[in-house]
Amino acid sequence: MVDDTIMNRGVLFGKFDCNVNLPSIQILLKIAKVCYVSIDYLISNGKLSNHEKEVLKRIEDIEQLDSYTRKKLFLLIDNNVVQNFKAKQAS
């Protein structure tokens, strides 16, 4: 169910939409949570971070790895996955 504290503020949203007022960080957090997006997605008009939650979860998991394992994983991704993808795109 959508948070009533957000949806009952139509006038406030109208001011945001018309650039008359800016939302507080607390309101941005609530909007992002209700819409299942990140705050950067909201403030970038949806252009920066339109990743699926599954992708974002994987990124968070990778950030928890130790430095050595993370470097090896990035090396694997860069040398195999990304290079193969770019090679296929170029041909």
N, C-alpha and C. Protein backbone atom coordinates (compact mmCIF):
# COMPACT_ATOMS: atom_id res chain seq x y z
N MET A 1 0.84 -1.18 0.00
CA MET A 1 0.00 0.00 0.00
C MET A 1 0.89 1.24 0.00
N VAL A 2 0.50 2.21 -0.75
CA VAL A 2 1.27 3.44 -0.87
C VAL A 2 1.12 4.25 0.42
N ASP A 3 2.23 4.80 0.86
CA ASP A 3 2.26 5.60 2.09
C ASP A 3 1.36 6.82 1.95
N ASP A 4 0.38 6.95 2.86
CA ASP A 4 -0.57 8.07 2.81
C ASP A 4 0.13 9.41 2.96
N THR A 5 1.24 9.44 3.70
CA THR A 5 1.92 10.72 3.90
C THR A 5 2.48 11.26 2.59
N ILE A 6 2.68 10.39 1.64
CA ILE A 6 3.16 10.84 0.33
C ILE A 6 1.99 11.16 -0.58
N MET A 7 1.06 10.23 -0.70
CA MET A 7 0.00 10.38 -1.69
C MET A 7 -1.00 11.48 -1.34
N ASN A 8 -1.10 11.87 -0.09
CA ASN A 8 -2.03 12.93 0.30
C ASN A 8 -1.43 14.31 0.11
N ARG A 9 -0.36 14.43 -0.60
CA ARG A 9 0.30 15.71 -0.78
C ARG A 9 0.37 16.10 -2.24
N GLY A 10 -0.76 16.05 -2.92
CA GLY A 10 -0.81 16.38 -4.34
C GLY A 10 -0.35 17.78 -4.65
N VAL A 11 -0.71 18.74 -3.81
CA VAL A 11 -0.29 20.12 -4.02
C VAL A 11 1.22 20.22 -3.92
N LEU A 12 1.78 19.52 -2.94
CA LEU A 12 3.22 19.53 -2.76
C LEU A 12 3.93 18.94 -3.98
N PHE A 13 3.40 17.84 -4.51
CA PHE A 13 3.98 17.23 -5.71
C PHE A 13 3.87 18.17 -6.90
N GLY A 14 2.78 18.89 -7.00
CA GLY A 14 2.62 19.87 -8.08
C GLY A 14 3.70 20.92 -8.02
N LYS A 15 4.06 21.34 -6.81
CA LYS A 15 5.14 22.33 -6.65
C LYS A 15 6.48 21.75 -7.05
N PHE A 16 6.71 20.46 -6.75
CA PHE A 16 7.95 19.81 -7.17
C PHE A 16 8.01 19.76 -8.69
N ASP A 17 6.90 19.36 -9.29
CA ASP A 17 6.83 19.19 -10.74
C ASP A 17 7.06 20.51 -11.47
N CYS A 18 6.59 21.60 -10.89
CA CYS A 18 6.73 22.93 -11.52
C CYS A 18 8.00 23.64 -11.09
N ASN A 19 8.87 22.95 -10.37
CA ASN A 19 10.11 23.53 -9.87
C ASN A 19 9.90 24.75 -8.97
N VAL A 20 8.76 24.78 -8.27
CA VAL A 20 8.48 25.85 -7.32
C VAL A 20 9.14 25.53 -5.98
N ASN A 21 9.22 24.25 -5.66
CA ASN A 21 9.76 23.80 -4.39
C ASN A 21 10.51 22.50 -4.63
N LEU A 22 11.46 22.17 -3.76
CA LEU A 22 12.20 20.92 -3.85
C LEU A 22 11.84 20.03 -2.67
N PRO A 23 11.77 18.71 -2.90
CA PRO A 23 11.43 17.81 -1.80
C PRO A 23 12.60 17.64 -0.83
N SER A 24 12.29 17.38 0.42
CA SER A 24 13.34 17.08 1.40
C SER A 24 13.89 15.69 1.12
N ILE A 25 15.01 15.38 1.72
CA ILE A 25 15.60 14.06 1.54
C ILE A 25 14.68 12.98 2.09
N GLN A 26 13.95 13.29 3.16
CA GLN A 26 13.01 12.31 3.73
C GLN A 26 11.90 11.99 2.73
N ILE A 27 11.37 13.00 2.07
CA ILE A 27 10.33 12.78 1.06
C ILE A 27 10.91 12.00 -0.12
N LEU A 28 12.12 12.35 -0.55
CA LEU A 28 12.75 11.61 -1.65
C LEU A 28 12.91 10.14 -1.28
N LEU A 29 13.33 9.86 -0.06
CA LEU A 29 13.48 8.47 0.37
C LEU A 29 12.15 7.73 0.33
N LYS A 30 11.08 8.37 0.78
CA LYS A 30 9.76 7.73 0.76
C LYS A 30 9.29 7.49 -0.67
N ILE A 31 9.48 8.46 -1.54
CA ILE A 31 9.08 8.30 -2.94
C ILE A 31 9.86 7.16 -3.58
N ALA A 32 11.16 7.13 -3.36
CA ALA A 32 12.00 6.08 -3.93
C ALA A 32 11.57 4.70 -3.43
N LYS A 33 11.26 4.61 -2.14
CA LYS A 33 10.84 3.33 -1.58
C LYS A 33 9.52 2.86 -2.18
N VAL A 34 8.56 3.76 -2.29
CA VAL A 34 7.25 3.42 -2.84
C VAL A 34 7.36 3.02 -4.31
N CYS A 35 8.23 3.69 -5.04
CA CYS A 35 8.36 3.44 -6.49
C CYS A 35 9.40 2.38 -6.82
N TYR A 36 10.07 1.83 -5.81
CA TYR A 36 11.09 0.80 -6.00
C TYR A 36 12.22 1.27 -6.91
N VAL A 37 12.68 2.49 -6.69
CA VAL A 37 13.81 3.04 -7.44
C VAL A 37 14.77 3.68 -6.44
N SER A 38 15.93 4.07 -6.93
CA SER A 38 16.91 4.75 -6.09
C SER A 38 16.69 6.26 -6.16
N ILE A 39 17.26 6.96 -5.20
CA ILE A 39 17.15 8.42 -5.20
C ILE A 39 17.85 9.01 -6.42
N ASP A 40 18.99 8.44 -6.81
CA ASP A 40 19.67 8.97 -8.00
C ASP A 40 18.81 8.82 -9.25
N TYR A 41 18.01 7.77 -9.30
CA TYR A 41 17.08 7.61 -10.41
C TYR A 41 16.07 8.75 -10.42
N LEU A 42 15.56 9.11 -9.24
CA LEU A 42 14.58 10.19 -9.15
C LEU A 42 15.17 11.53 -9.56
N ILE A 43 16.37 11.83 -9.09
CA ILE A 43 16.93 13.16 -9.35
C ILE A 43 17.56 13.29 -10.72
N SER A 44 17.72 12.17 -11.42
CA SER A 44 18.31 12.23 -12.76
C SER A 44 17.28 12.02 -13.84
N ASN A 45 16.01 12.21 -13.52
CA ASN A 45 14.92 12.00 -14.48
C ASN A 45 14.92 10.59 -15.04
N GLY A 46 15.40 9.64 -14.25
CA GLY A 46 15.37 8.24 -14.64
C GLY A 46 16.44 7.83 -15.62
N LYS A 47 17.45 8.66 -15.82
CA LYS A 47 18.46 8.36 -16.83
C LYS A 47 19.69 7.66 -16.28
N LEU A 48 20.03 7.89 -15.03
CA LEU A 48 21.27 7.35 -14.49
C LEU A 48 21.18 5.91 -14.02
N SER A 49 20.22 5.63 -13.21
CA SER A 49 20.21 4.34 -12.53
C SER A 49 18.88 3.63 -12.69
N ASN A 50 18.70 3.04 -13.83
CA ASN A 50 17.45 2.31 -14.05
C ASN A 50 17.71 0.80 -13.98
N HIS A 51 18.65 0.43 -13.10
CA HIS A 51 19.00 -0.96 -12.94
C HIS A 51 17.92 -1.71 -12.18
N GLU A 52 17.79 -2.94 -12.49
CA GLU A 52 16.86 -3.79 -11.76
C GLU A 52 17.38 -4.00 -10.35
N LYS A 53 16.47 -4.25 -9.43
CA LYS A 53 16.87 -4.48 -8.04
C LYS A 53 17.83 -5.66 -7.93
N GLU A 54 17.66 -6.66 -8.78
CA GLU A 54 18.54 -7.83 -8.74
C GLU A 54 19.98 -7.43 -9.06
N VAL A 55 20.17 -6.55 -10.02
CA VAL A 55 21.51 -6.08 -10.39
C VAL A 55 22.10 -5.27 -9.24
N LEU A 56 21.30 -4.38 -8.65
CA LEU A 56 21.78 -3.57 -7.53
C LEU A 56 22.15 -4.45 -6.34
N LYS A 57 21.40 -5.52 -6.10
CA LYS A 57 21.72 -6.43 -5.01
C LYS A 57 23.06 -7.11 -5.27
N ARG A 58 23.31 -7.49 -6.49
CA ARG A 58 24.59 -8.12 -6.83
C ARG A 58 25.75 -7.15 -6.62
N ILE A 59 25.54 -5.90 -7.00
CA ILE A 59 26.58 -4.89 -6.79
C ILE A 59 26.86 -4.73 -5.29
N GLU A 60 25.81 -4.68 -4.49
CA GLU A 60 25.99 -4.60 -3.03
C GLU A 60 26.76 -5.80 -2.50
N ASP A 61 26.45 -6.99 -3.01
CA ASP A 61 27.15 -8.20 -2.58
C ASP A 61 28.63 -8.14 -2.96
N ILE A 62 28.91 -7.66 -4.15
CA ILE A 62 30.31 -7.54 -4.60
C ILE A 62 31.07 -6.56 -3.73
N GLU A 63 30.41 -5.48 -3.33
CA GLU A 63 31.07 -4.49 -2.47
C GLU A 63 31.48 -5.09 -1.13
N GLN A 64 30.82 -6.16 -0.70
CA GLN A 64 31.13 -6.79 0.58
C GLN A 64 32.31 -7.76 0.50
N LEU A 65 32.72 -8.11 -0.72
CA LEU A 65 33.84 -9.03 -0.88
C LEU A 65 35.14 -8.38 -0.44
N ASP A 66 36.11 -9.23 -0.07
CA ASP A 66 37.43 -8.69 0.27
C ASP A 66 38.08 -8.13 -1.00
N SER A 67 39.03 -7.27 -0.82
CA SER A 67 39.66 -6.54 -1.93
C SER A 67 40.25 -7.48 -2.99
N TYR A 68 40.93 -8.52 -2.56
CA TYR A 68 41.55 -9.45 -3.49
C TYR A 68 40.50 -10.15 -4.36
N THR A 69 39.46 -10.66 -3.74
CA THR A 69 38.40 -11.37 -4.47
C THR A 69 37.69 -10.42 -5.43
N ARG A 70 37.42 -9.20 -4.97
CA ARG A 70 36.76 -8.20 -5.81
C ARG A 70 37.61 -7.89 -7.04
N LYS A 71 38.93 -7.71 -6.86
CA LYS A 71 39.82 -7.43 -7.99
C LYS A 71 39.81 -8.57 -8.99
N LYS A 72 39.85 -9.81 -8.49
CA LYS A 72 39.82 -10.98 -9.37
C LYS A 72 38.51 -11.06 -10.14
N LEU A 73 37.41 -10.77 -9.46
CA LEU A 73 36.10 -10.79 -10.11
C LEU A 73 36.03 -9.74 -11.21
N PHE A 74 36.49 -8.53 -10.93
CA PHE A 74 36.48 -7.47 -11.95
C PHE A 74 37.39 -7.82 -13.13
N LEU A 75 38.52 -8.44 -12.84
CA LEU A 75 39.42 -8.87 -13.91
C LEU A 75 38.73 -9.90 -14.80
N LEU A 76 38.05 -10.85 -14.19
CA LEU A 76 37.30 -11.85 -14.94
C LEU A 76 36.22 -11.21 -15.80
N ILE A 77 35.47 -10.30 -15.21
CA ILE A 77 34.41 -9.62 -15.95
C ILE A 77 34.99 -8.81 -17.10
N ASP A 78 36.01 -8.01 -16.82
CA ASP A 78 36.59 -7.14 -17.84
C ASP A 78 37.22 -7.94 -18.98
N ASN A 79 37.98 -8.97 -18.64
CA ASN A 79 38.73 -9.72 -19.66
C ASN A 79 37.88 -10.71 -20.44
N ASN A 80 36.84 -11.20 -19.86
CA ASN A 80 36.04 -12.21 -20.55
C ASN A 80 34.70 -11.69 -21.00
N VAL A 81 33.92 -11.27 -20.10
CA VAL A 81 32.54 -10.88 -20.41
C VAL A 81 32.48 -9.60 -21.24
N VAL A 82 33.10 -8.54 -20.75
CA VAL A 82 33.01 -7.24 -21.43
C VAL A 82 33.72 -7.28 -22.77
N GLN A 83 34.92 -7.83 -22.83
CA GLN A 83 35.64 -7.89 -24.10
C GLN A 83 34.91 -8.73 -25.13
N ASN A 84 34.34 -9.86 -24.73
CA ASN A 84 33.57 -10.68 -25.66
C ASN A 84 32.34 -9.94 -26.16
N PHE A 85 31.65 -9.25 -25.28
CA PHE A 85 30.48 -8.47 -25.66
C PHE A 85 30.87 -7.39 -26.67
N LYS A 86 31.92 -6.65 -26.38
CA LYS A 86 32.37 -5.58 -27.28
C LYS A 86 32.82 -6.14 -28.63
N ALA A 87 33.47 -7.28 -28.62
CA ALA A 87 33.91 -7.91 -29.87
C ALA A 87 32.71 -8.32 -30.72
N LYS A 88 31.68 -8.85 -30.11
CA LYS A 88 30.47 -9.24 -30.84
C LYS A 88 29.76 -8.01 -31.39
N GLN A 89 29.75 -6.93 -30.62
CA GLN A 89 29.11 -5.70 -31.08
C GLN A 89 29.85 -5.10 -32.27
N ALA A 90 31.18 -5.21 -32.28
CA ALA A 90 31.99 -4.63 -33.34
C ALA A 90 31.86 -5.40 -34.64
N SER A 91 31.55 -6.70 -34.57
CA SER A 91 31.48 -7.50 -35.80
C SER A 91 30.12 -7.49 -36.43
